[in-house]
Amino acid sequence: MYSCTQCHGGDAQGQTGPSLHGPDFHYAKNATNKGMFETIWNGTNGGMGAKGKGLMDPTDPTNGLKPDEVLQIQAWIRSHNDKLTGNE
């Protein structure tokens, strides 16, 4: 259904898409939780499509991530970054 790892890599280190490791994010707003939510929900002008429910697939308003799912993804990204930087 959603394959973040396809572009961002298995450890979010970046592949076709940018790394999700901070503190220097490809999109500076991703350093904040609000900014990262907006990026995942609405997509980017740089190529990533919207993943938010009702936005991901205009032909199917039920397709896409729910707000809670986006928050879970963010929590994984943030906790993964903490492990990499030793800030657990």
C-alpha atoms as a PDB file:
ATOM      1  CA  MET A   1       0.000   0.000   0.000  1.00  0.00           C
ATOM      2  CA  TYR A   2       2.608   2.598   1.076  1.00  0.00           C
ATOM      3  CA  SER A   3       6.270   2.024   0.479  1.00  0.00           C
ATOM      4  CA  CYS A   4       8.272   4.740   2.200  1.00  0.00           C
ATOM      5  CA  THR A   5      11.322   2.477   2.100  1.00  0.00           C
ATOM      6  CA  GLN A   6      11.175   2.380  -1.698  1.00  0.00           C
ATOM      7  CA  CYS A   7      12.415   5.989  -1.826  1.00  0.00           C
ATOM      8  CA  HIS A   8      13.742   6.722   1.670  1.00  0.00           C
ATOM      9  CA  GLY A   9      15.524   3.407   2.282  1.00  0.00           C
ATOM     10  CA  GLY A  10      15.024   0.785   4.976  1.00  0.00           C
ATOM     11  CA  ASP A  11      16.666   2.895   7.671  1.00  0.00           C
ATOM     12  CA  ALA A  12      15.341   6.163   6.239  1.00  0.00           C
ATOM     13  CA  GLN A  13      18.901   6.965   5.165  1.00  0.00           C
ATOM     14  CA  GLY A  14      17.741   8.090   1.728  1.00  0.00           C
ATOM     15  CA  GLN A  15      17.730   6.369  -1.604  1.00  0.00           C
ATOM     16  CA  THR A  16      15.828   7.925  -4.508  1.00  0.00           C
ATOM     17  CA  GLY A  17      14.196  10.232  -1.953  1.00  0.00           C
ATOM     18  CA  PRO A  18      16.058  12.273   0.670  1.00  0.00           C
ATOM     19  CA  SER A  19      17.291  10.973   3.996  1.00  0.00           C
ATOM     20  CA  LEU A  20      14.903  11.422   6.903  1.00  0.00           C
ATOM     21  CA  HIS A  21      17.752  11.748   9.383  1.00  0.00           C
ATOM     22  CA  GLY A  22      18.046  15.150  11.029  1.00  0.00           C
ATOM     23  CA  PRO A  23      19.031  17.627  12.102  1.00  0.00           C
ATOM     24  CA  ASP A  24      19.623  18.793   8.514  1.00  0.00           C
ATOM     25  CA  PHE A  25      16.449  17.758   6.749  1.00  0.00           C
ATOM     26  CA  HIS A  26      15.994  18.229   2.995  1.00  0.00           C
ATOM     27  CA  TYR A  27      12.958  20.345   3.865  1.00  0.00           C
ATOM     28  CA  ALA A  28      13.840  22.497   6.891  1.00  0.00           C
ATOM     29  CA  LYS A  29      10.255  22.465   8.179  1.00  0.00           C
ATOM     30  CA  ASN A  30      10.598  18.714   8.845  1.00  0.00           C
ATOM     31  CA  ALA A  31      12.651  19.566  11.932  1.00  0.00           C
ATOM     32  CA  THR A  32       9.300  20.397  13.586  1.00  0.00           C
ATOM     33  CA  ASN A  33       6.508  17.895  14.166  1.00  0.00           C
ATOM     34  CA  LYS A  34       3.965  20.193  12.513  1.00  0.00           C
ATOM     35  CA  GLY A  35       6.178  20.603   9.454  1.00  0.00           C
ATOM     36  CA  MET A  36       6.853  16.895   9.082  1.00  0.00           C
ATOM     37  CA  PHE A  37       3.138  16.123   9.428  1.00  0.00           C
ATOM     38  CA  GLU A  38       2.378  18.635   6.658  1.00  0.00           C
ATOM     39  CA  THR A  39       5.038  17.098   4.400  1.00  0.00           C
ATOM     40  CA  ILE A  40       3.710  13.556   4.814  1.00  0.00           C
ATOM     41  CA  TRP A  41       0.044  14.567   4.623  1.00  0.00           C
ATOM     42  CA  ASN A  42       0.244  17.000   1.685  1.00  0.00           C
ATOM     43  CA  GLY A  43       3.339  15.776  -0.141  1.00  0.00           C
ATOM     44  CA  THR A  44       6.043  18.024  -1.584  1.00  0.00           C
ATOM     45  CA  ASN A  45       6.667  20.029  -4.701  1.00  0.00           C
ATOM     46  CA  GLY A  46       9.848  17.982  -5.049  1.00  0.00           C
ATOM     47  CA  GLY A  47       8.106  14.789  -6.057  1.00  0.00           C
ATOM     48  CA  MET A  48       6.524  13.018  -3.071  1.00  0.00           C
ATOM     49  CA  GLY A  49       2.784  12.754  -3.461  1.00  0.00           C
ATOM     50  CA  ALA A  50       0.308  13.418  -0.679  1.00  0.00           C
ATOM     51  CA  LYS A  51      -0.243  10.471   1.660  1.00  0.00           C
ATOM     52  CA  GLY A  52      -3.167  11.913   3.651  1.00  0.00           C
ATOM     53  CA  LYS A  53      -6.547  10.190   3.605  1.00  0.00           C
ATOM     54  CA  GLY A  54      -8.595  11.607   0.746  1.00  0.00           C
ATOM     55  CA  LEU A  55      -5.553  13.259  -0.835  1.00  0.00           C
ATOM     56  CA  MET A  56      -3.429  10.284  -1.876  1.00  0.00           C
ATOM     57  CA  ASP A  57      -5.812   9.013  -4.529  1.00  0.00           C
ATOM     58  CA  PRO A  58      -8.439  11.484  -5.798  1.00  0.00           C
ATOM     59  CA  THR A  59     -10.461   8.601  -7.230  1.00  0.00           C
ATOM     60  CA  ASP A  60     -10.732   6.899  -3.819  1.00  0.00           C
ATOM     61  CA  PRO A  61     -11.405   9.217  -0.847  1.00  0.00           C
ATOM     62  CA  THR A  62     -10.888   6.321   1.584  1.00  0.00           C
ATOM     63  CA  ASN A  63      -7.318   5.715   0.409  1.00  0.00           C
ATOM     64  CA  GLY A  64      -4.422   7.263   2.304  1.00  0.00           C
ATOM     65  CA  LEU A  65      -3.043   7.535   5.806  1.00  0.00           C
ATOM     66  CA  LYS A  66      -5.152   8.553   8.773  1.00  0.00           C
ATOM     67  CA  PRO A  67      -3.792  11.354  11.002  1.00  0.00           C
ATOM     68  CA  ASP A  68      -2.887   8.820  13.719  1.00  0.00           C
ATOM     69  CA  GLU A  69      -0.903   6.786  11.203  1.00  0.00           C
ATOM     70  CA  VAL A  70       1.055   9.866  10.139  1.00  0.00           C
ATOM     71  CA  LEU A  71       1.841  10.550  13.811  1.00  0.00           C
ATOM     72  CA  GLN A  72       3.069   6.960  14.220  1.00  0.00           C
ATOM     73  CA  ILE A  73       5.365   7.368  11.222  1.00  0.00           C
ATOM     74  CA  GLN A  74       6.711  10.595  12.682  1.00  0.00           C
ATOM     75  CA  ALA A  75       7.329   8.908  16.034  1.00  0.00           C
ATOM     76  CA  TRP A  76       9.300   6.148  14.286  1.00  0.00           C
ATOM     77  CA  ILE A  77      11.382   8.686  12.342  1.00  0.00           C
ATOM     78  CA  ARG A  78      12.101  10.745  15.482  1.00  0.00           C
ATOM     79  CA  SER A  79      12.966   7.703  17.621  1.00  0.00           C
ATOM     80  CA  HIS A  80      15.133   6.262  14.850  1.00  0.00           C
ATOM     81  CA  ASN A  81      17.023   9.564  14.590  1.00  0.00           C
ATOM     82  CA  ASP A  82      17.569   9.547  18.359  1.00  0.00           C
ATOM     83  CA  LYS A  83      19.117   6.083  18.166  1.00  0.00           C
ATOM     84  CA  LEU A  84      21.450   7.172  15.390  1.00  0.00           C
ATOM     85  CA  THR A  85      22.625  10.286  17.222  1.00  0.00           C
ATOM     86  CA  GLY A  86      22.778   8.673  20.668  1.00  0.00           C
ATOM     87  CA  ASN A  87      20.092  10.972  22.086  1.00  0.00           C
ATOM     88  CA  GLU A  88      17.807   8.173  23.314  1.00  0.00           C
END
